[in-house]
Amino acid sequence: MGLGILADGKWISEREQEDNQGKFIRPSTTFRNKITADGSSGFKAEAGRYHLYISWACPWAHRTAIMRRLKGLEDAIGLSVVAAEIDQNSWEFSSEPGAIPDTVNGTQYLWQLYLKAEPNYSGRVTVPVLWDKQTQSIVNNESREIIRMFDTEFNDIASKNVNFYPKDLQAQIDKTIDEIYQPINNGVYRAGFATQQVAYEEAVTELFEALDRWENVLAKQRYLCGNCITEADWCMFTTLLRFDAVYYVHFKCNLRRIVDYPNLWNYLKDLYQQPGVKETCNLDHIKRHYYRSHPKVNPTRIVPKGPIIDFEAPHNRNEIGVAVAV
């Protein structure tokens, strides 16, 4: 996330986000190197070598923070967290509650980190960023690939023996992540940033058709790929967490709330209540970021007080399957 862009190493505070039909366009991420356990990729999984830059507000970055915590990689991979709100300089490091300064490179703005990696960089400046202190560059800024690396390549370093990408489910996990990406994960943005009615209605219709589908799937099994938690669930979780507090109002995704879906709502509470997860969920950063950082969507920048959402209320998912990954 981040609404500015770098062009030949120069920061531009505004960029076009939609095509001539009013549809939100999400450009591809650009740093796509891979860390491997054996170092065959040129980037070896090592404790102390890598540093993760995130925003608590961003769902894409949030999924990497969850995986870092669930795998027990906090001591092995450092963390910096940008401030909740963005302005003409986009993501900024500050001393506000919840933020963690850039202790590795000493940057004030995230775009400065991108220029440190590539002085003539052109493209979006987004979180998450996985930084390599050895080569002094960005390894990867694609959240799906970062969580996969944390989950599969750092097992000799991780302090917790959990696996969210079991061999017998790998094809299904990849297929599921693909299936939820465009209509749900990206769908809320396609609806929220649409600038024409047809584009908005197309996105919001696909979004709720997909939510309806997964509501039915979760009536039969505890998690998206069966009865153990996988990477696909964490990709779904960060969107659902933000839905009622932000996307329902701010992005006009208001056909139904997640609390109106019995299975999705209990599934969301189940994931939130997994040990270590709620500590990565910062609703203050989430709400302030969205409502105050998108003036074209919310010109007054007023942050609503509600809704009151009890993610720690009891859920009924224990009756459906097994609680842990295998």
C-alpha atoms as a PDB file:
ATOM      1  CA  MET A   1       0.000   0.000   0.000  1.00  0.00           C
ATOM      2  CA  GLY A   2       1.104   3.581  -0.510  1.00  0.00           C
ATOM      3  CA  LEU A   3      -0.244   6.100  -3.016  1.00  0.00           C
ATOM      4  CA  GLY A   4       2.971   7.717  -4.237  1.00  0.00           C
ATOM      5  CA  ILE A   5       5.540   6.386  -6.660  1.00  0.00           C
ATOM      6  CA  LEU A   6       9.247   6.631  -7.492  1.00  0.00           C
ATOM      7  CA  ALA A   7      10.258   7.549 -11.041  1.00  0.00           C
ATOM      8  CA  ASP A   8      13.958   7.236 -11.921  1.00  0.00           C
ATOM      9  CA  GLY A   9      14.878   7.693  -8.278  1.00  0.00           C
ATOM     10  CA  LYS A  10      12.657  10.725  -7.676  1.00  0.00           C
ATOM     11  CA  TRP A  11       9.660  10.674  -5.345  1.00  0.00           C
ATOM     12  CA  ILE A  12       6.262  11.648  -6.819  1.00  0.00           C
ATOM     13  CA  SER A  13       3.541  12.021  -4.205  1.00  0.00           C
ATOM     14  CA  GLU A  14       0.582  11.063  -6.427  1.00  0.00           C
ATOM     15  CA  ARG A  15       0.067   8.313  -8.976  1.00  0.00           C
ATOM     16  CA  GLU A  16      -2.846   7.160 -11.113  1.00  0.00           C
ATOM     17  CA  GLN A  17      -4.579   4.163  -9.576  1.00  0.00           C
ATOM     18  CA  GLU A  18      -7.315   3.417 -12.085  1.00  0.00           C
ATOM     19  CA  ASP A  19      -7.737   2.812 -15.804  1.00  0.00           C
ATOM     20  CA  ASN A  20     -10.003   4.783 -18.148  1.00  0.00           C
ATOM     21  CA  GLN A  21     -12.981   2.647 -17.070  1.00  0.00           C
ATOM     22  CA  GLY A  22     -12.574   3.602 -13.417  1.00  0.00           C
ATOM     23  CA  LYS A  23     -11.148   0.224 -12.392  1.00  0.00           C
ATOM     24  CA  PHE A  24      -8.492   0.040  -9.684  1.00  0.00           C
ATOM     25  CA  ILE A  25      -5.219  -1.329 -11.067  1.00  0.00           C
ATOM     26  CA  ARG A  26      -2.682  -2.942  -8.718  1.00  0.00           C
ATOM     27  CA  PRO A  27       0.780  -3.053 -10.343  1.00  0.00           C
ATOM     28  CA  SER A  28       3.012  -6.063  -9.753  1.00  0.00           C
ATOM     29  CA  THR A  29       5.667  -6.075  -7.057  1.00  0.00           C
ATOM     30  CA  THR A  30       9.231  -5.761  -8.321  1.00  0.00           C
ATOM     31  CA  PHE A  31      11.712  -7.372  -5.896  1.00  0.00           C
ATOM     32  CA  ARG A  32      11.252 -11.117  -6.218  1.00  0.00           C
ATOM     33  CA  ASN A  33      14.411 -12.838  -5.004  1.00  0.00           C
ATOM     34  CA  LYS A  34      14.051 -15.945  -2.879  1.00  0.00           C
ATOM     35  CA  ILE A  35      15.661 -16.977   0.377  1.00  0.00           C
ATOM     36  CA  THR A  36      16.392 -20.701   0.588  1.00  0.00           C
ATOM     37  CA  ALA A  37      17.402 -22.911   3.481  1.00  0.00           C
ATOM     38  CA  ASP A  38      20.553 -24.078   1.669  1.00  0.00           C
ATOM     39  CA  GLY A  39      21.449 -20.732   0.133  1.00  0.00           C
ATOM     40  CA  SER A  40      21.279 -22.082  -3.420  1.00  0.00           C
ATOM     41  CA  SER A  41      19.354 -18.973  -4.466  1.00  0.00           C
ATOM     42  CA  GLY A  42      22.143 -16.688  -3.307  1.00  0.00           C
ATOM     43  CA  PHE A  43      20.148 -15.745  -0.213  1.00  0.00           C
ATOM     44  CA  LYS A  44      20.575 -18.211   2.635  1.00  0.00           C
ATOM     45  CA  ALA A  45      18.137 -18.410   5.550  1.00  0.00           C
ATOM     46  CA  GLU A  46      20.244 -17.133   8.441  1.00  0.00           C
ATOM     47  CA  ALA A  47      19.382 -15.674  11.831  1.00  0.00           C
ATOM     48  CA  GLY A  48      20.139 -11.961  12.084  1.00  0.00           C
ATOM     49  CA  ARG A  49      20.636 -11.410   8.364  1.00  0.00           C
ATOM     50  CA  TYR A  50      17.184 -10.177   7.341  1.00  0.00           C
ATOM     51  CA  HIS A  51      14.925  -7.344   8.481  1.00  0.00           C
ATOM     52  CA  LEU A  52      11.183  -7.002   7.859  1.00  0.00           C
ATOM     53  CA  TYR A  53       9.512  -3.636   7.248  1.00  0.00           C
ATOM     54  CA  ILE A  54       5.734  -3.558   7.671  1.00  0.00           C
ATOM     55  CA  SER A  55       2.659  -1.517   8.475  1.00  0.00           C
ATOM     56  CA  TRP A  56       0.183  -2.861  11.021  1.00  0.00           C
ATOM     57  CA  ALA A  57      -2.522  -1.266   8.878  1.00  0.00           C
ATOM     58  CA  CYS A  58      -1.711  -3.045   5.613  1.00  0.00           C
ATOM     59  CA  PRO A  59      -3.276  -6.502   5.163  1.00  0.00           C
ATOM     60  CA  TRP A  60      -0.483  -7.650   2.863  1.00  0.00           C
ATOM     61  CA  ALA A  61       2.200  -6.687   5.383  1.00  0.00           C
ATOM     62  CA  HIS A  62       0.126  -8.015   8.275  1.00  0.00           C
ATOM     63  CA  ARG A  63       0.225 -11.554   6.906  1.00  0.00           C
ATOM     64  CA  THR A  64       4.049 -11.504   6.985  1.00  0.00           C
ATOM     65  CA  ALA A  65       4.036 -10.266  10.599  1.00  0.00           C
ATOM     66  CA  ILE A  66       1.690 -13.096  11.545  1.00  0.00           C
ATOM     67  CA  MET A  67       3.908 -15.728   9.929  1.00  0.00           C
ATOM     68  CA  ARG A  68       7.036 -14.269  11.529  1.00  0.00           C
ATOM     69  CA  ARG A  69       5.374 -14.557  14.940  1.00  0.00           C
ATOM     70  CA  LEU A  70       3.739 -17.964  14.487  1.00  0.00           C
ATOM     71  CA  LYS A  71       6.993 -19.518  13.292  1.00  0.00           C
ATOM     72  CA  GLY A  72       8.892 -17.987  16.218  1.00  0.00           C
ATOM     73  CA  LEU A  73      11.202 -15.883  14.054  1.00  0.00           C
ATOM     74  CA  GLU A  74      11.123 -12.704  16.148  1.00  0.00           C
ATOM     75  CA  ASP A  75      14.710 -13.108  17.348  1.00  0.00           C
ATOM     76  CA  ALA A  76      15.968 -14.176  13.906  1.00  0.00           C
ATOM     77  CA  ILE A  77      14.322 -11.506  11.746  1.00  0.00           C
ATOM     78  CA  GLY A  78      14.213  -7.883  12.896  1.00  0.00           C
ATOM     79  CA  LEU A  79      11.147  -5.661  12.537  1.00  0.00           C
ATOM     80  CA  SER A  80      10.433  -2.028  11.711  1.00  0.00           C
ATOM     81  CA  VAL A  81       6.894  -0.620  11.586  1.00  0.00           C
ATOM     82  CA  VAL A  82       5.819   2.551   9.808  1.00  0.00           C
ATOM     83  CA  ALA A  83       3.337   5.060  11.233  1.00  0.00           C
ATOM     84  CA  ALA A  84      -0.350   4.463  10.649  1.00  0.00           C
ATOM     85  CA  GLU A  85      -1.079   7.443   8.426  1.00  0.00           C
ATOM     86  CA  ILE A  86       0.517   8.432   5.138  1.00  0.00           C
ATOM     87  CA  ASP A  87       0.873  11.860   3.561  1.00  0.00           C
ATOM     88  CA  GLN A  88       2.678  13.199   0.516  1.00  0.00           C
ATOM     89  CA  ASN A  89       5.761  11.183   1.503  1.00  0.00           C
ATOM     90  CA  SER A  90       3.743   7.983   1.935  1.00  0.00           C
ATOM     91  CA  TRP A  91       4.994   5.573   4.611  1.00  0.00           C
ATOM     92  CA  GLU A  92       6.983   7.239   7.394  1.00  0.00           C
ATOM     93  CA  PHE A  93       8.858   5.949  10.432  1.00  0.00           C
ATOM     94  CA  SER A  94       7.905   7.775  13.625  1.00  0.00           C
ATOM     95  CA  SER A  95       7.771   7.477  17.395  1.00  0.00           C
ATOM     96  CA  GLU A  96       3.976   7.074  17.599  1.00  0.00           C
ATOM     97  CA  PRO A  97       2.626   4.126  19.615  1.00  0.00           C
ATOM     98  CA  GLY A  98       2.910   0.910  17.624  1.00  0.00           C
ATOM     99  CA  ALA A  99       5.577   2.222  15.245  1.00  0.00           C
ATOM    100  CA  ILE A 100       9.160   0.904  15.320  1.00  0.00           C
ATOM    101  CA  PRO A 101      11.941   3.047  13.763  1.00  0.00           C
ATOM    102  CA  ASP A 102      14.236   1.887  11.000  1.00  0.00           C
ATOM    103  CA  THR A 103      17.140   0.785  13.189  1.00  0.00           C
ATOM    104  CA  VAL A 104      18.945  -0.894  10.275  1.00  0.00           C
ATOM    105  CA  ASN A 105      19.130   1.853   7.649  1.00  0.00           C
ATOM    106  CA  GLY A 106      18.024   4.924   9.578  1.00  0.00           C
ATOM    107  CA  THR A 107      15.532   6.058   6.962  1.00  0.00           C
ATOM    108  CA  GLN A 108      12.656   8.431   7.711  1.00  0.00           C
ATOM    109  CA  TYR A 109      10.517   7.420   4.744  1.00  0.00           C
ATOM    110  CA  LEU A 110      10.112   4.005   3.177  1.00  0.00           C
ATOM    111  CA  TRP A 111      10.880   5.332  -0.308  1.00  0.00           C
ATOM    112  CA  GLN A 112      14.392   6.142   0.931  1.00  0.00           C
ATOM    113  CA  LEU A 113      14.872   2.436   1.633  1.00  0.00           C
ATOM    114  CA  TYR A 114      13.905   1.602  -1.952  1.00  0.00           C
ATOM    115  CA  LEU A 115      16.463   4.106  -3.239  1.00  0.00           C
ATOM    116  CA  LYS A 116      19.123   2.583  -1.002  1.00  0.00           C
ATOM    117  CA  ALA A 117      18.418  -0.733  -2.706  1.00  0.00           C
ATOM    118  CA  GLU A 118      18.217   0.758  -6.213  1.00  0.00           C
ATOM    119  CA  PRO A 119      19.173   4.449  -6.636  1.00  0.00           C
ATOM    120  CA  ASN A 120      17.277   4.833  -9.937  1.00  0.00           C
ATOM    121  CA  TYR A 121      14.270   2.752  -8.888  1.00  0.00           C
ATOM    122  CA  SER A 122      10.962   3.365 -10.644  1.00  0.00           C
ATOM    123  CA  GLY A 123       7.762   1.924  -9.199  1.00  0.00           C
ATOM    124  CA  ARG A 124       5.510   1.757  -6.193  1.00  0.00           C
ATOM    125  CA  VAL A 125       6.823   1.959  -2.645  1.00  0.00           C
ATOM    126  CA  THR A 126       4.975  -0.670  -0.662  1.00  0.00           C
ATOM    127  CA  VAL A 127       5.071  -2.768   2.476  1.00  0.00           C
ATOM    128  CA  PRO A 128       6.073  -5.426   3.297  1.00  0.00           C
ATOM    129  CA  VAL A 129       9.773  -5.195   2.509  1.00  0.00           C
ATOM    130  CA  LEU A 130      12.236  -7.952   3.377  1.00  0.00           C
ATOM    131  CA  TRP A 131      15.717  -6.443   3.596  1.00  0.00           C
ATOM    132  CA  ASP A 132      19.058  -8.274   3.421  1.00  0.00           C
ATOM    133  CA  LYS A 133      21.655  -6.671   5.665  1.00  0.00           C
ATOM    134  CA  GLN A 134      24.457  -8.616   3.977  1.00  0.00           C
ATOM    135  CA  THR A 135      23.863  -7.383   0.418  1.00  0.00           C
ATOM    136  CA  GLN A 136      22.337  -4.088   1.599  1.00  0.00           C
ATOM    137  CA  SER A 137      19.310  -4.509  -0.618  1.00  0.00           C
ATOM    138  CA  ILE A 138      15.677  -5.579  -0.788  1.00  0.00           C
ATOM    139  CA  VAL A 139      15.243  -9.314  -1.208  1.00  0.00           C
ATOM    140  CA  ASN A 140      11.504  -9.351  -1.767  1.00  0.00           C
ATOM    141  CA  ASN A 141       8.426  -7.134  -1.402  1.00  0.00           C
ATOM    142  CA  GLU A 142       5.731  -9.653  -2.382  1.00  0.00           C
ATOM    143  CA  SER A 143       3.812 -10.717   0.719  1.00  0.00           C
ATOM    144  CA  ARG A 144       2.744 -14.121  -0.605  1.00  0.00           C
ATOM    145  CA  GLU A 145       6.344 -15.067  -1.334  1.00  0.00           C
ATOM    146  CA  ILE A 146       7.610 -13.713   1.989  1.00  0.00           C
ATOM    147  CA  ILE A 147       5.174 -15.802   4.023  1.00  0.00           C
ATOM    148  CA  ARG A 148       6.103 -18.872   1.979  1.00  0.00           C
ATOM    149  CA  MET A 149       9.801 -18.290   2.668  1.00  0.00           C
ATOM    150  CA  PHE A 150       9.185 -17.774   6.381  1.00  0.00           C
ATOM    151  CA  ASP A 151       7.026 -20.907   6.465  1.00  0.00           C
ATOM    152  CA  THR A 152       9.251 -23.282   4.493  1.00  0.00           C
ATOM    153  CA  GLU A 153      12.861 -22.036   4.357  1.00  0.00           C
ATOM    154  CA  PHE A 154      13.509 -20.939   7.958  1.00  0.00           C
ATOM    155  CA  ASN A 155      12.575 -24.164   9.750  1.00  0.00           C
ATOM    156  CA  ASP A 156      16.105 -24.741  11.085  1.00  0.00           C
ATOM    157  CA  ILE A 157      16.014 -21.249  12.615  1.00  0.00           C
ATOM    158  CA  ALA A 158      12.371 -20.985  13.699  1.00  0.00           C
ATOM    159  CA  SER A 159      11.697 -21.579  17.390  1.00  0.00           C
ATOM    160  CA  LYS A 160       8.218 -23.012  16.754  1.00  0.00           C
ATOM    161  CA  ASN A 161       7.631 -26.267  14.925  1.00  0.00           C
ATOM    162  CA  VAL A 162       4.553 -25.452  12.869  1.00  0.00           C
ATOM    163  CA  ASN A 163       3.940 -25.897   9.151  1.00  0.00           C
ATOM    164  CA  PHE A 164       1.249 -24.043   7.254  1.00  0.00           C
ATOM    165  CA  TYR A 165       2.172 -25.549   3.869  1.00  0.00           C
ATOM    166  CA  PRO A 166       1.926 -29.343   4.383  1.00  0.00           C
ATOM    167  CA  LYS A 167       2.935 -31.446   1.375  1.00  0.00           C
ATOM    168  CA  ASP A 168      -0.404 -33.168   0.917  1.00  0.00           C
ATOM    169  CA  LEU A 169      -2.227 -29.831   0.697  1.00  0.00           C
ATOM    170  CA  GLN A 170       0.246 -27.713  -1.257  1.00  0.00           C
ATOM    171  CA  ALA A 171      -1.650 -27.738  -4.558  1.00  0.00           C
ATOM    172  CA  GLN A 172      -4.910 -26.945  -2.775  1.00  0.00           C
ATOM    173  CA  ILE A 173      -3.319 -24.155  -0.725  1.00  0.00           C
ATOM    174  CA  ASP A 174      -1.867 -22.487  -3.833  1.00  0.00           C
ATOM    175  CA  LYS A 175      -5.187 -22.821  -5.667  1.00  0.00           C
ATOM    176  CA  THR A 176      -7.088 -21.355  -2.718  1.00  0.00           C
ATOM    177  CA  ILE A 177      -4.756 -18.363  -2.349  1.00  0.00           C
ATOM    178  CA  ASP A 178      -5.223 -17.712  -6.069  1.00  0.00           C
ATOM    179  CA  GLU A 179      -8.999 -17.989  -5.747  1.00  0.00           C
ATOM    180  CA  ILE A 180      -9.363 -15.538  -2.865  1.00  0.00           C
ATOM    181  CA  TYR A 181      -6.872 -12.966  -4.160  1.00  0.00           C
ATOM    182  CA  GLN A 182      -8.744 -11.141  -6.919  1.00  0.00           C
ATOM    183  CA  PRO A 183     -12.346 -11.194  -5.628  1.00  0.00           C
ATOM    184  CA  ILE A 184     -11.620 -10.806  -1.877  1.00  0.00           C
ATOM    185  CA  ASN A 185      -8.090  -9.649  -0.951  1.00  0.00           C
ATOM    186  CA  ASN A 186      -7.860  -7.275  -3.902  1.00  0.00           C
ATOM    187  CA  GLY A 187     -11.618  -7.070  -4.369  1.00  0.00           C
ATOM    188  CA  VAL A 188     -12.145  -4.692  -1.457  1.00  0.00           C
ATOM    189  CA  TYR A 189      -9.665  -2.290  -3.085  1.00  0.00           C
ATOM    190  CA  ARG A 190     -11.252  -2.735  -6.500  1.00  0.00           C
ATOM    191  CA  ALA A 191     -14.535  -1.655  -4.932  1.00  0.00           C
ATOM    192  CA  GLY A 192     -13.129   1.079  -2.709  1.00  0.00           C
ATOM    193  CA  PHE A 193     -10.924   2.776  -5.273  1.00  0.00           C
ATOM    194  CA  ALA A 194     -13.276   2.429  -8.250  1.00  0.00           C
ATOM    195  CA  THR A 195     -14.139   5.795  -9.782  1.00  0.00           C
ATOM    196  CA  GLN A 196     -17.047   4.695 -11.966  1.00  0.00           C
ATOM    197  CA  GLN A 197     -20.287   2.981 -10.957  1.00  0.00           C
ATOM    198  CA  VAL A 198     -19.906   0.025 -13.319  1.00  0.00           C
ATOM    199  CA  ALA A 199     -16.391  -0.746 -12.064  1.00  0.00           C
ATOM    200  CA  TYR A 200     -17.538  -0.529  -8.442  1.00  0.00           C
ATOM    201  CA  GLU A 201     -20.557  -2.772  -8.953  1.00  0.00           C
ATOM    202  CA  GLU A 202     -18.505  -5.375 -10.813  1.00  0.00           C
ATOM    203  CA  ALA A 203     -15.981  -5.532  -7.975  1.00  0.00           C
ATOM    204  CA  VAL A 204     -18.462  -5.548  -5.102  1.00  0.00           C
ATOM    205  CA  THR A 205     -20.606  -8.221  -6.781  1.00  0.00           C
ATOM    206  CA  GLU A 206     -17.598 -10.507  -7.269  1.00  0.00           C
ATOM    207  CA  LEU A 207     -16.515  -9.838  -3.677  1.00  0.00           C
ATOM    208  CA  PHE A 208     -19.772 -10.958  -2.105  1.00  0.00           C
ATOM    209  CA  GLU A 209     -20.206 -13.894  -4.464  1.00  0.00           C
ATOM    210  CA  ALA A 210     -16.806 -15.097  -3.257  1.00  0.00           C
ATOM    211  CA  LEU A 211     -17.651 -14.492   0.415  1.00  0.00           C
ATOM    212  CA  ASP A 212     -20.920 -16.394  -0.048  1.00  0.00           C
ATOM    213  CA  ARG A 213     -18.990 -19.282  -1.583  1.00  0.00           C
ATOM    214  CA  TRP A 214     -16.500 -19.531   1.274  1.00  0.00           C
ATOM    215  CA  GLU A 215     -19.305 -19.197   3.824  1.00  0.00           C
ATOM    216  CA  ASN A 216     -20.719 -22.418   2.356  1.00  0.00           C
ATOM    217  CA  VAL A 217     -17.319 -24.131   2.307  1.00  0.00           C
ATOM    218  CA  LEU A 218     -16.782 -23.280   5.981  1.00  0.00           C
ATOM    219  CA  ALA A 219     -20.098 -24.873   6.863  1.00  0.00           C
ATOM    220  CA  LYS A 220     -18.470 -28.236   6.072  1.00  0.00           C
ATOM    221  CA  GLN A 221     -14.859 -27.804   7.218  1.00  0.00           C
ATOM    222  CA  ARG A 222     -13.060 -25.768   9.825  1.00  0.00           C
ATOM    223  CA  TYR A 223     -10.568 -23.979   7.554  1.00  0.00           C
ATOM    224  CA  LEU A 224     -10.279 -23.083   3.883  1.00  0.00           C
ATOM    225  CA  CYS A 225      -8.322 -26.189   2.886  1.00  0.00           C
ATOM    226  CA  GLY A 226      -9.736 -28.673   5.372  1.00  0.00           C
ATOM    227  CA  ASN A 227      -9.294 -29.108   9.096  1.00  0.00           C
ATOM    228  CA  CYS A 228      -5.856 -27.592   9.634  1.00  0.00           C
ATOM    229  CA  ILE A 229      -4.760 -23.953   9.355  1.00  0.00           C
ATOM    230  CA  THR A 230      -2.722 -23.188   6.253  1.00  0.00           C
ATOM    231  CA  GLU A 231      -1.143 -20.164   4.581  1.00  0.00           C
ATOM    232  CA  ALA A 232      -4.436 -19.653   2.731  1.00  0.00           C
ATOM    233  CA  ASP A 233      -6.208 -18.936   6.019  1.00  0.00           C
ATOM    234  CA  TRP A 234      -3.740 -16.215   6.986  1.00  0.00           C
ATOM    235  CA  CYS A 235      -4.187 -14.662   3.538  1.00  0.00           C
ATOM    236  CA  MET A 236      -7.952 -14.594   4.113  1.00  0.00           C
ATOM    237  CA  PHE A 237      -7.705 -13.532   7.761  1.00  0.00           C
ATOM    238  CA  THR A 238      -6.115 -10.127   7.275  1.00  0.00           C
ATOM    239  CA  THR A 239      -8.869  -9.046   4.868  1.00  0.00           C
ATOM    240  CA  LEU A 240     -11.681 -10.328   7.069  1.00  0.00           C
ATOM    241  CA  LEU A 241     -10.191  -8.632  10.151  1.00  0.00           C
ATOM    242  CA  ARG A 242     -10.472  -5.217   8.459  1.00  0.00           C
ATOM    243  CA  PHE A 243     -13.794  -5.788   6.789  1.00  0.00           C
ATOM    244  CA  ASP A 244     -16.429  -4.563   9.249  1.00  0.00           C
ATOM    245  CA  ALA A 245     -14.264  -1.784  10.707  1.00  0.00           C
ATOM    246  CA  VAL A 246     -13.073  -0.359   7.380  1.00  0.00           C
ATOM    247  CA  TYR A 247     -14.106  -1.961   4.111  1.00  0.00           C
ATOM    248  CA  TYR A 248     -17.836  -2.099   4.887  1.00  0.00           C
ATOM    249  CA  VAL A 249     -18.028   1.704   5.217  1.00  0.00           C
ATOM    250  CA  HIS A 250     -14.880   3.235   3.756  1.00  0.00           C
ATOM    251  CA  PHE A 251     -14.794   1.044   0.626  1.00  0.00           C
ATOM    252  CA  LYS A 252     -18.603   0.747   0.280  1.00  0.00           C
ATOM    253  CA  CYS A 253     -18.514  -3.058   0.671  1.00  0.00           C
ATOM    254  CA  ASN A 254     -21.820  -2.893   2.496  1.00  0.00           C
ATOM    255  CA  LEU A 255     -24.055  -5.698   1.245  1.00  0.00           C
ATOM    256  CA  ARG A 256     -23.266  -7.622   4.424  1.00  0.00           C
ATOM    257  CA  ARG A 257     -20.824  -7.473   7.324  1.00  0.00           C
ATOM    258  CA  ILE A 258     -18.633 -10.426   8.264  1.00  0.00           C
ATOM    259  CA  VAL A 259     -20.577 -10.695  11.530  1.00  0.00           C
ATOM    260  CA  ASP A 260     -23.652 -11.386   9.368  1.00  0.00           C
ATOM    261  CA  TYR A 261     -22.032 -14.573   8.046  1.00  0.00           C
ATOM    262  CA  PRO A 262     -22.243 -17.250  10.777  1.00  0.00           C
ATOM    263  CA  ASN A 263     -19.389 -19.384   9.468  1.00  0.00           C
ATOM    264  CA  LEU A 264     -17.033 -16.626   8.307  1.00  0.00           C
ATOM    265  CA  TRP A 265     -17.529 -14.727  11.563  1.00  0.00           C
ATOM    266  CA  ASN A 266     -16.784 -17.731  13.774  1.00  0.00           C
ATOM    267  CA  TYR A 267     -13.861 -18.659  11.504  1.00  0.00           C
ATOM    268  CA  LEU A 268     -12.456 -15.128  11.882  1.00  0.00           C
ATOM    269  CA  LYS A 269     -12.700 -15.330  15.670  1.00  0.00           C
ATOM    270  CA  ASP A 270     -11.054 -18.768  15.615  1.00  0.00           C
ATOM    271  CA  LEU A 271      -8.035 -17.439  13.719  1.00  0.00           C
ATOM    272  CA  TYR A 272      -7.808 -14.259  15.809  1.00  0.00           C
ATOM    273  CA  GLN A 273      -7.721 -16.377  18.967  1.00  0.00           C
ATOM    274  CA  GLN A 274      -4.833 -18.569  17.806  1.00  0.00           C
ATOM    275  CA  PRO A 275      -1.876 -17.955  20.185  1.00  0.00           C
ATOM    276  CA  GLY A 276       0.159 -14.899  19.176  1.00  0.00           C
ATOM    277  CA  VAL A 277      -2.176 -13.597  16.478  1.00  0.00           C
ATOM    278  CA  LYS A 278      -4.061 -10.861  18.307  1.00  0.00           C
ATOM    279  CA  GLU A 279      -0.756  -9.225  19.255  1.00  0.00           C
ATOM    280  CA  THR A 280      -0.254  -8.483  15.553  1.00  0.00           C
ATOM    281  CA  CYS A 281      -3.712  -6.887  15.158  1.00  0.00           C
ATOM    282  CA  ASN A 282      -3.696  -3.119  15.668  1.00  0.00           C
ATOM    283  CA  LEU A 283      -7.190  -1.747  14.984  1.00  0.00           C
ATOM    284  CA  ASP A 284      -6.087   1.790  15.855  1.00  0.00           C
ATOM    285  CA  HIS A 285      -3.444   1.769  13.113  1.00  0.00           C
ATOM    286  CA  ILE A 286      -5.855   0.066  10.716  1.00  0.00           C
ATOM    287  CA  LYS A 287      -8.677   2.562  11.150  1.00  0.00           C
ATOM    288  CA  ARG A 288      -6.506   5.674  11.237  1.00  0.00           C
ATOM    289  CA  HIS A 289      -4.617   4.593   8.158  1.00  0.00           C
ATOM    290  CA  TYR A 290      -7.605   3.968   5.926  1.00  0.00           C
ATOM    291  CA  TYR A 291      -9.882   6.792   7.043  1.00  0.00           C
ATOM    292  CA  ARG A 292      -7.136   9.438   7.214  1.00  0.00           C
ATOM    293  CA  SER A 293      -4.859   8.420   4.322  1.00  0.00           C
ATOM    294  CA  HIS A 294      -7.346   8.289   1.438  1.00  0.00           C
ATOM    295  CA  PRO A 295      -8.727  11.827   1.125  1.00  0.00           C
ATOM    296  CA  LYS A 296     -10.324  11.076  -2.240  1.00  0.00           C
ATOM    297  CA  VAL A 297     -12.413   8.376  -0.561  1.00  0.00           C
ATOM    298  CA  ASN A 298     -12.921  10.138   2.798  1.00  0.00           C
ATOM    299  CA  PRO A 299     -12.346  13.902   2.279  1.00  0.00           C
ATOM    300  CA  THR A 300     -13.102  14.841   5.908  1.00  0.00           C
ATOM    301  CA  ARG A 301     -10.544  12.295   7.181  1.00  0.00           C
ATOM    302  CA  ILE A 302     -12.834  11.648  10.167  1.00  0.00           C
ATOM    303  CA  VAL A 303     -12.207   8.275  11.810  1.00  0.00           C
ATOM    304  CA  PRO A 304     -15.436   6.622  13.021  1.00  0.00           C
ATOM    305  CA  LYS A 305     -15.668   5.550  16.658  1.00  0.00           C
ATOM    306  CA  GLY A 306     -17.176   2.177  15.845  1.00  0.00           C
ATOM    307  CA  PRO A 307     -18.025  -0.484  15.239  1.00  0.00           C
ATOM    308  CA  ILE A 308     -17.499  -2.437  18.445  1.00  0.00           C
ATOM    309  CA  ILE A 309     -16.283  -5.889  17.379  1.00  0.00           C
ATOM    310  CA  ASP A 310     -15.539  -8.612  19.918  1.00  0.00           C
ATOM    311  CA  PHE A 311     -12.983 -10.844  18.208  1.00  0.00           C
ATOM    312  CA  GLU A 312     -12.418 -12.630  21.528  1.00  0.00           C
ATOM    313  CA  ALA A 313     -16.026 -13.794  21.905  1.00  0.00           C
ATOM    314  CA  PRO A 314     -16.479 -17.582  21.935  1.00  0.00           C
ATOM    315  CA  HIS A 315     -16.619 -19.323  18.568  1.00  0.00           C
ATOM    316  CA  ASN A 316     -18.072 -22.673  17.528  1.00  0.00           C
ATOM    317  CA  ARG A 317     -15.336 -23.910  15.194  1.00  0.00           C
ATOM    318  CA  ASN A 318     -14.037 -26.519  17.664  1.00  0.00           C
ATOM    319  CA  GLU A 319     -16.984 -28.691  16.690  1.00  0.00           C
ATOM    320  CA  ILE A 320     -15.887 -28.842  13.039  1.00  0.00           C
ATOM    321  CA  GLY A 321     -12.275 -30.034  12.969  1.00  0.00           C
ATOM    322  CA  VAL A 322      -8.736 -30.085  14.317  1.00  0.00           C
ATOM    323  CA  ALA A 323      -7.242 -26.849  15.669  1.00  0.00           C
ATOM    324  CA  VAL A 324      -3.597 -26.965  14.674  1.00  0.00           C
ATOM    325  CA  ALA A 325      -1.463 -27.201  11.571  1.00  0.00           C
ATOM    326  CA  VAL A 326       0.317 -30.493  10.898  1.00  0.00           C
END
